[in-house]
N, C-alpha and C. Protein backbone atom coordinates (compact mmCIF):
# COMPACT_ATOMS: atom_id res chain seq x y z
N MET A 1 -11.63 -11.77 18.41
CA MET A 1 -10.32 -11.68 17.76
C MET A 1 -10.26 -12.71 16.63
N ARG A 2 -9.88 -12.28 15.47
CA ARG A 2 -9.74 -13.16 14.32
C ARG A 2 -8.46 -14.00 14.47
N HIS A 3 -8.46 -15.14 13.80
CA HIS A 3 -7.27 -15.99 13.82
C HIS A 3 -6.13 -15.29 13.09
N ARG A 4 -4.98 -15.26 13.74
CA ARG A 4 -3.78 -14.70 13.13
C ARG A 4 -2.76 -15.81 12.93
N ASP A 5 -2.03 -15.74 11.84
CA ASP A 5 -0.98 -16.74 11.61
C ASP A 5 0.30 -16.30 12.31
N GLU A 6 1.38 -17.01 12.05
CA GLU A 6 2.65 -16.72 12.74
C GLU A 6 3.23 -15.35 12.39
N PHE A 7 2.72 -14.71 11.35
CA PHE A 7 3.17 -13.37 10.96
C PHE A 7 2.22 -12.29 11.47
N GLY A 8 1.19 -12.71 12.18
CA GLY A 8 0.20 -11.77 12.69
C GLY A 8 -0.82 -11.37 11.64
N ARG A 9 -0.88 -12.11 10.57
CA ARG A 9 -1.79 -11.78 9.46
C ARG A 9 -3.12 -12.51 9.61
N VAL A 10 -4.15 -11.86 9.09
CA VAL A 10 -5.48 -12.45 9.04
C VAL A 10 -5.86 -12.65 7.57
N GLY A 11 -7.01 -13.24 7.35
CA GLY A 11 -7.44 -13.54 5.98
C GLY A 11 -7.47 -12.33 5.07
N LEU A 12 -7.81 -11.16 5.61
CA LEU A 12 -7.90 -9.96 4.78
C LEU A 12 -6.54 -9.59 4.19
N HIS A 13 -5.47 -9.82 4.92
CA HIS A 13 -4.13 -9.55 4.37
C HIS A 13 -3.90 -10.40 3.12
N TYR A 14 -4.25 -11.68 3.21
CA TYR A 14 -4.01 -12.59 2.09
C TYR A 14 -4.97 -12.34 0.94
N ALA A 15 -6.21 -12.02 1.26
CA ALA A 15 -7.17 -11.70 0.19
C ALA A 15 -6.71 -10.48 -0.58
N ALA A 16 -6.18 -9.47 0.12
CA ALA A 16 -5.67 -8.26 -0.54
C ALA A 16 -4.45 -8.59 -1.38
N ARG A 17 -3.56 -9.40 -0.83
CA ARG A 17 -2.36 -9.80 -1.59
C ARG A 17 -2.73 -10.54 -2.86
N ASP A 18 -3.75 -11.39 -2.75
CA ASP A 18 -4.16 -12.21 -3.89
C ASP A 18 -5.11 -11.49 -4.84
N GLY A 19 -5.56 -10.30 -4.46
CA GLY A 19 -6.50 -9.56 -5.30
C GLY A 19 -7.86 -10.22 -5.39
N ASP A 20 -8.24 -10.93 -4.35
CA ASP A 20 -9.52 -11.64 -4.33
C ASP A 20 -10.61 -10.66 -3.87
N LEU A 21 -11.20 -9.95 -4.83
CA LEU A 21 -12.17 -8.91 -4.51
C LEU A 21 -13.41 -9.45 -3.81
N THR A 22 -13.83 -10.64 -4.19
CA THR A 22 -15.00 -11.25 -3.55
C THR A 22 -14.71 -11.53 -2.08
N LEU A 23 -13.57 -12.13 -1.80
CA LEU A 23 -13.22 -12.45 -0.41
C LEU A 23 -12.97 -11.18 0.40
N ILE A 24 -12.31 -10.19 -0.19
CA ILE A 24 -12.12 -8.91 0.51
C ILE A 24 -13.47 -8.36 0.93
N THR A 25 -14.41 -8.34 0.01
CA THR A 25 -15.75 -7.81 0.29
C THR A 25 -16.43 -8.62 1.40
N GLN A 26 -16.36 -9.94 1.32
CA GLN A 26 -16.98 -10.79 2.33
C GLN A 26 -16.37 -10.56 3.71
N LEU A 27 -15.06 -10.46 3.77
CA LEU A 27 -14.39 -10.26 5.06
C LEU A 27 -14.74 -8.90 5.66
N LEU A 28 -14.78 -7.89 4.83
CA LEU A 28 -15.15 -6.55 5.32
C LEU A 28 -16.60 -6.53 5.78
N GLN A 29 -17.48 -7.19 5.04
CA GLN A 29 -18.89 -7.25 5.44
C GLN A 29 -19.07 -8.04 6.74
N ALA A 30 -18.16 -8.98 7.00
CA ALA A 30 -18.21 -9.77 8.23
C ALA A 30 -17.61 -9.01 9.42
N GLY A 31 -17.10 -7.81 9.17
CA GLY A 31 -16.60 -6.98 10.26
C GLY A 31 -15.10 -6.91 10.41
N GLU A 32 -14.36 -7.45 9.46
CA GLU A 32 -12.90 -7.36 9.55
C GLU A 32 -12.48 -5.89 9.46
N ASP A 33 -11.49 -5.52 10.24
CA ASP A 33 -10.96 -4.15 10.26
C ASP A 33 -10.15 -3.92 8.98
N VAL A 34 -10.54 -2.95 8.19
CA VAL A 34 -9.86 -2.67 6.92
C VAL A 34 -8.40 -2.27 7.14
N ASP A 35 -8.07 -1.75 8.32
CA ASP A 35 -6.70 -1.33 8.61
C ASP A 35 -5.99 -2.27 9.59
N VAL A 36 -6.43 -3.53 9.66
CA VAL A 36 -5.80 -4.49 10.56
C VAL A 36 -4.32 -4.60 10.20
N ARG A 37 -3.46 -4.64 11.22
CA ARG A 37 -2.01 -4.68 11.00
C ARG A 37 -1.45 -6.04 11.35
N ASP A 38 -0.44 -6.45 10.58
CA ASP A 38 0.24 -7.70 10.91
C ASP A 38 1.40 -7.40 11.85
N GLY A 39 2.26 -8.37 12.08
CA GLY A 39 3.37 -8.21 13.01
C GLY A 39 4.40 -7.17 12.61
N GLU A 40 4.42 -6.76 11.35
CA GLU A 40 5.36 -5.75 10.88
C GLU A 40 4.65 -4.45 10.51
N GLY A 41 3.41 -4.33 10.95
CA GLY A 41 2.66 -3.10 10.73
C GLY A 41 2.02 -2.97 9.37
N TRP A 42 2.02 -4.04 8.59
CA TRP A 42 1.41 -4.01 7.26
C TRP A 42 -0.10 -4.11 7.36
N THR A 43 -0.79 -3.28 6.59
CA THR A 43 -2.24 -3.37 6.47
C THR A 43 -2.57 -4.10 5.16
N PRO A 44 -3.81 -4.52 4.96
CA PRO A 44 -4.17 -5.11 3.68
C PRO A 44 -3.85 -4.20 2.49
N LEU A 45 -3.98 -2.88 2.68
CA LEU A 45 -3.67 -1.95 1.60
C LEU A 45 -2.21 -2.07 1.17
N HIS A 46 -1.29 -2.28 2.11
CA HIS A 46 0.12 -2.45 1.76
C HIS A 46 0.30 -3.67 0.85
N PHE A 47 -0.40 -4.76 1.18
CA PHE A 47 -0.28 -5.97 0.36
C PHE A 47 -0.85 -5.75 -1.04
N ALA A 48 -2.00 -5.11 -1.13
CA ALA A 48 -2.59 -4.84 -2.44
C ALA A 48 -1.68 -3.92 -3.25
N ALA A 49 -1.06 -2.95 -2.59
CA ALA A 49 -0.15 -2.03 -3.28
C ALA A 49 1.12 -2.74 -3.72
N GLN A 50 1.64 -3.62 -2.89
CA GLN A 50 2.85 -4.36 -3.26
C GLN A 50 2.61 -5.21 -4.50
N GLU A 51 1.40 -5.69 -4.65
CA GLU A 51 1.04 -6.46 -5.84
C GLU A 51 0.60 -5.56 -6.99
N ALA A 52 0.53 -4.25 -6.74
CA ALA A 52 0.10 -3.25 -7.74
C ALA A 52 -1.24 -3.65 -8.35
N ASP A 53 -2.20 -3.90 -7.47
CA ASP A 53 -3.54 -4.32 -7.88
C ASP A 53 -4.51 -3.16 -7.67
N PRO A 54 -4.74 -2.35 -8.71
CA PRO A 54 -5.56 -1.16 -8.54
C PRO A 54 -7.00 -1.45 -8.10
N ALA A 55 -7.56 -2.57 -8.52
CA ALA A 55 -8.93 -2.90 -8.11
C ALA A 55 -9.01 -3.20 -6.62
N ALA A 56 -8.06 -3.98 -6.12
CA ALA A 56 -8.04 -4.29 -4.68
C ALA A 56 -7.74 -3.03 -3.88
N ILE A 57 -6.84 -2.21 -4.37
CA ILE A 57 -6.52 -0.94 -3.70
C ILE A 57 -7.78 -0.08 -3.61
N ALA A 58 -8.48 0.07 -4.71
CA ALA A 58 -9.69 0.90 -4.73
C ALA A 58 -10.75 0.36 -3.79
N LEU A 59 -10.93 -0.95 -3.77
CA LEU A 59 -11.93 -1.56 -2.89
C LEU A 59 -11.60 -1.28 -1.43
N LEU A 60 -10.35 -1.44 -1.05
CA LEU A 60 -9.94 -1.18 0.33
C LEU A 60 -10.09 0.30 0.69
N LEU A 61 -9.71 1.17 -0.24
CA LEU A 61 -9.86 2.61 0.01
C LEU A 61 -11.34 2.98 0.15
N ASP A 62 -12.18 2.42 -0.70
CA ASP A 62 -13.62 2.68 -0.61
C ASP A 62 -14.20 2.21 0.72
N ALA A 63 -13.56 1.20 1.31
CA ALA A 63 -14.01 0.68 2.60
C ALA A 63 -13.43 1.47 3.77
N GLY A 64 -12.62 2.50 3.46
CA GLY A 64 -12.09 3.37 4.51
C GLY A 64 -10.66 3.13 4.91
N ALA A 65 -9.90 2.37 4.13
CA ALA A 65 -8.49 2.14 4.46
C ALA A 65 -7.74 3.46 4.53
N ASP A 66 -6.80 3.53 5.46
CA ASP A 66 -5.96 4.72 5.63
C ASP A 66 -4.92 4.74 4.51
N VAL A 67 -5.07 5.65 3.58
CA VAL A 67 -4.20 5.72 2.40
C VAL A 67 -2.75 6.01 2.77
N ASP A 68 -2.52 6.66 3.90
CA ASP A 68 -1.16 7.01 4.30
C ASP A 68 -0.63 6.18 5.47
N ALA A 69 -1.29 5.07 5.79
CA ALA A 69 -0.78 4.19 6.84
C ALA A 69 0.62 3.72 6.44
N VAL A 70 1.50 3.60 7.42
CA VAL A 70 2.87 3.16 7.14
C VAL A 70 3.16 1.86 7.88
N THR A 71 4.09 1.09 7.33
CA THR A 71 4.54 -0.15 7.97
C THR A 71 5.42 0.22 9.16
N ALA A 72 5.90 -0.79 9.89
CA ALA A 72 6.78 -0.54 11.03
C ALA A 72 8.04 0.20 10.60
N ASN A 73 8.45 0.05 9.34
CA ASN A 73 9.63 0.75 8.82
C ASN A 73 9.28 2.07 8.17
N GLY A 74 8.02 2.47 8.26
CA GLY A 74 7.61 3.78 7.76
C GLY A 74 7.22 3.83 6.30
N MET A 75 7.04 2.69 5.67
CA MET A 75 6.75 2.68 4.23
C MET A 75 5.25 2.70 3.96
N PRO A 76 4.79 3.72 3.22
CA PRO A 76 3.37 3.81 2.88
C PRO A 76 3.03 2.97 1.66
N ALA A 77 1.76 2.78 1.42
CA ALA A 77 1.30 1.97 0.29
C ALA A 77 1.82 2.50 -1.04
N ILE A 78 1.91 3.82 -1.18
CA ILE A 78 2.34 4.37 -2.47
C ILE A 78 3.79 3.97 -2.79
N TYR A 79 4.61 3.80 -1.77
CA TYR A 79 5.97 3.31 -1.98
C TYR A 79 5.93 1.90 -2.58
N TRP A 80 5.09 1.04 -1.98
CA TRP A 80 5.01 -0.35 -2.45
C TRP A 80 4.46 -0.42 -3.86
N ALA A 81 3.47 0.40 -4.18
CA ALA A 81 2.91 0.40 -5.53
C ALA A 81 3.97 0.83 -6.54
N ALA A 82 4.74 1.84 -6.20
CA ALA A 82 5.75 2.38 -7.12
C ALA A 82 6.93 1.45 -7.33
N THR A 83 7.18 0.57 -6.38
CA THR A 83 8.32 -0.34 -6.49
C THR A 83 7.89 -1.76 -6.86
N ALA A 84 6.62 -1.94 -7.15
CA ALA A 84 6.10 -3.28 -7.48
C ALA A 84 6.76 -3.82 -8.75
N ALA A 85 7.10 -5.09 -8.71
CA ALA A 85 7.73 -5.74 -9.86
C ALA A 85 6.72 -6.32 -10.83
N SER A 86 5.48 -6.40 -10.41
CA SER A 86 4.45 -6.96 -11.28
C SER A 86 3.16 -6.17 -11.09
N GLY A 87 2.10 -6.62 -11.71
CA GLY A 87 0.83 -5.91 -11.59
C GLY A 87 0.81 -4.66 -12.45
N ASP A 88 0.04 -3.67 -12.00
CA ASP A 88 -0.12 -2.42 -12.74
C ASP A 88 0.25 -1.25 -11.83
N PRO A 89 1.55 -1.00 -11.68
CA PRO A 89 1.97 0.04 -10.74
C PRO A 89 1.45 1.44 -11.10
N ILE A 90 1.39 1.77 -12.36
CA ILE A 90 0.95 3.12 -12.74
C ILE A 90 -0.51 3.32 -12.36
N ALA A 91 -1.37 2.37 -12.69
CA ALA A 91 -2.78 2.49 -12.30
C ALA A 91 -2.92 2.50 -10.79
N SER A 92 -2.10 1.71 -10.10
CA SER A 92 -2.15 1.67 -8.64
C SER A 92 -1.75 3.01 -8.03
N ILE A 93 -0.69 3.60 -8.56
CA ILE A 93 -0.26 4.92 -8.10
C ILE A 93 -1.37 5.93 -8.32
N ARG A 94 -2.00 5.88 -9.47
CA ARG A 94 -3.08 6.84 -9.77
C ARG A 94 -4.26 6.68 -8.82
N VAL A 95 -4.62 5.45 -8.48
CA VAL A 95 -5.71 5.23 -7.52
C VAL A 95 -5.32 5.81 -6.16
N LEU A 96 -4.10 5.53 -5.73
CA LEU A 96 -3.64 6.03 -4.43
C LEU A 96 -3.55 7.56 -4.41
N ARG A 97 -3.03 8.13 -5.47
CA ARG A 97 -2.93 9.60 -5.51
C ARG A 97 -4.31 10.24 -5.58
N ALA A 98 -5.25 9.63 -6.28
CA ALA A 98 -6.62 10.15 -6.34
C ALA A 98 -7.27 10.14 -4.96
N ALA A 99 -6.80 9.23 -4.10
CA ALA A 99 -7.30 9.15 -2.73
C ALA A 99 -6.47 10.02 -1.78
N ALA A 100 -5.62 10.88 -2.34
CA ALA A 100 -4.82 11.85 -1.59
C ALA A 100 -3.64 11.23 -0.83
N ALA A 101 -3.08 10.14 -1.35
CA ALA A 101 -1.85 9.61 -0.76
C ALA A 101 -0.77 10.67 -0.84
N ASP A 102 0.03 10.78 0.21
CA ASP A 102 1.07 11.82 0.27
C ASP A 102 2.45 11.19 0.10
N PRO A 103 3.01 11.19 -1.11
CA PRO A 103 4.33 10.60 -1.31
C PRO A 103 5.47 11.47 -0.76
N THR A 104 5.15 12.68 -0.31
CA THR A 104 6.20 13.57 0.20
C THR A 104 6.38 13.48 1.71
N ALA A 105 5.52 12.75 2.40
CA ALA A 105 5.64 12.62 3.86
C ALA A 105 6.92 11.85 4.18
N GLU A 106 7.72 12.42 5.06
CA GLU A 106 8.99 11.78 5.43
C GLU A 106 8.75 10.80 6.56
N THR A 107 8.46 9.57 6.18
CA THR A 107 8.10 8.53 7.15
C THR A 107 9.02 7.32 7.10
N ILE A 108 9.81 7.17 6.05
CA ILE A 108 10.63 5.97 5.87
C ILE A 108 11.94 6.12 6.63
N GLN A 109 12.19 5.16 7.52
CA GLN A 109 13.41 5.18 8.32
C GLN A 109 14.59 4.73 7.46
N SER A 110 15.65 5.54 7.47
CA SER A 110 16.84 5.17 6.71
C SER A 110 18.08 5.56 7.51
N TYR A 111 19.23 5.17 7.01
CA TYR A 111 20.50 5.50 7.65
C TYR A 111 20.68 7.01 7.76
N PHE A 112 20.11 7.75 6.83
CA PHE A 112 20.25 9.20 6.78
C PHE A 112 19.12 9.93 7.48
N GLY A 113 18.29 9.22 8.20
CA GLY A 113 17.13 9.83 8.85
C GLY A 113 15.87 9.51 8.08
N LEU A 114 14.85 10.30 8.30
CA LEU A 114 13.58 10.05 7.64
C LEU A 114 13.61 10.52 6.19
N ARG A 115 13.06 9.71 5.31
CA ARG A 115 12.97 10.03 3.90
C ARG A 115 11.53 9.81 3.45
N SER A 116 11.19 10.39 2.32
CA SER A 116 9.84 10.22 1.78
C SER A 116 9.82 9.10 0.74
N ALA A 117 8.63 8.60 0.46
CA ALA A 117 8.48 7.63 -0.63
C ALA A 117 8.95 8.25 -1.94
N LEU A 118 8.64 9.52 -2.13
CA LEU A 118 9.04 10.21 -3.36
C LEU A 118 10.56 10.19 -3.53
N HIS A 119 11.30 10.38 -2.44
CA HIS A 119 12.76 10.32 -2.48
C HIS A 119 13.22 8.97 -3.04
N TYR A 120 12.69 7.89 -2.51
CA TYR A 120 13.08 6.56 -2.97
C TYR A 120 12.64 6.29 -4.39
N ILE A 121 11.45 6.74 -4.73
CA ILE A 121 10.92 6.52 -6.08
C ILE A 121 11.80 7.21 -7.11
N ARG A 122 12.17 8.44 -6.85
CA ARG A 122 12.98 9.21 -7.81
C ARG A 122 14.43 8.75 -7.86
N ASP A 123 14.98 8.39 -6.70
CA ASP A 123 16.41 8.12 -6.64
C ASP A 123 16.80 6.66 -6.81
N PHE A 124 15.87 5.74 -6.56
CA PHE A 124 16.29 4.34 -6.53
C PHE A 124 15.49 3.40 -7.42
N THR A 125 14.36 3.80 -7.96
CA THR A 125 13.59 2.84 -8.76
C THR A 125 14.12 2.71 -10.18
N ASN A 126 14.76 3.74 -10.71
CA ASN A 126 15.30 3.71 -12.07
C ASN A 126 14.24 3.30 -13.09
N ARG A 127 13.02 3.82 -12.87
CA ARG A 127 11.91 3.55 -13.78
C ARG A 127 11.28 4.88 -14.13
N PRO A 128 11.68 5.49 -15.25
CA PRO A 128 11.19 6.81 -15.61
C PRO A 128 9.67 6.90 -15.71
N GLU A 129 9.02 5.81 -16.15
CA GLU A 129 7.56 5.84 -16.28
C GLU A 129 6.88 5.96 -14.91
N ILE A 130 7.53 5.43 -13.88
CA ILE A 130 7.00 5.57 -12.52
C ILE A 130 7.28 6.98 -12.02
N ALA A 131 8.51 7.45 -12.17
CA ALA A 131 8.86 8.81 -11.73
C ALA A 131 7.97 9.85 -12.40
N ALA A 132 7.57 9.60 -13.64
CA ALA A 132 6.73 10.56 -14.37
C ALA A 132 5.38 10.76 -13.69
N GLU A 133 4.92 9.77 -12.94
CA GLU A 133 3.64 9.89 -12.23
C GLU A 133 3.72 10.91 -11.09
N PHE A 134 4.93 11.32 -10.75
CA PHE A 134 5.14 12.27 -9.66
C PHE A 134 5.76 13.57 -10.16
N ALA A 135 5.74 13.80 -11.47
CA ALA A 135 6.38 14.97 -12.06
C ALA A 135 5.80 16.28 -11.55
N ASP A 136 4.57 16.26 -11.07
CA ASP A 136 3.93 17.48 -10.57
C ASP A 136 4.45 17.89 -9.20
N LEU A 137 5.23 17.03 -8.56
CA LEU A 137 5.76 17.32 -7.22
C LEU A 137 7.21 17.77 -7.34
N ALA A 138 7.50 18.88 -6.76
CA ALA A 138 8.87 19.43 -6.87
C ALA A 138 9.84 18.70 -5.98
């Protein structure tokens, strides 16, 4: 068992958040689980997506990360990439979509029941350039 901090996170979570491609590679080669979850169900892919880091996202996906894994609240990586305040959200969305991320899956828990990442992206991000990345979905 790898050392976990008070949030249930291991080094791979932080390496993904920081976009440290060398450390991500080293940890994966040392046997770290690419889909390891923290105390709130976040995988390293969620952290890389929240930072909108397409290189870290691609590296994790190439290592077998589950592109549609959801957090404890049902939020997939594509949601985090689309709502990122920094980084390169458009490139991150494109990497995730190329890996067959499903923004239409109704996995996000809300007051109104289950909603999809696409619902939140279209209705709440108020960023037309992000919504345009999903124009092919009805």
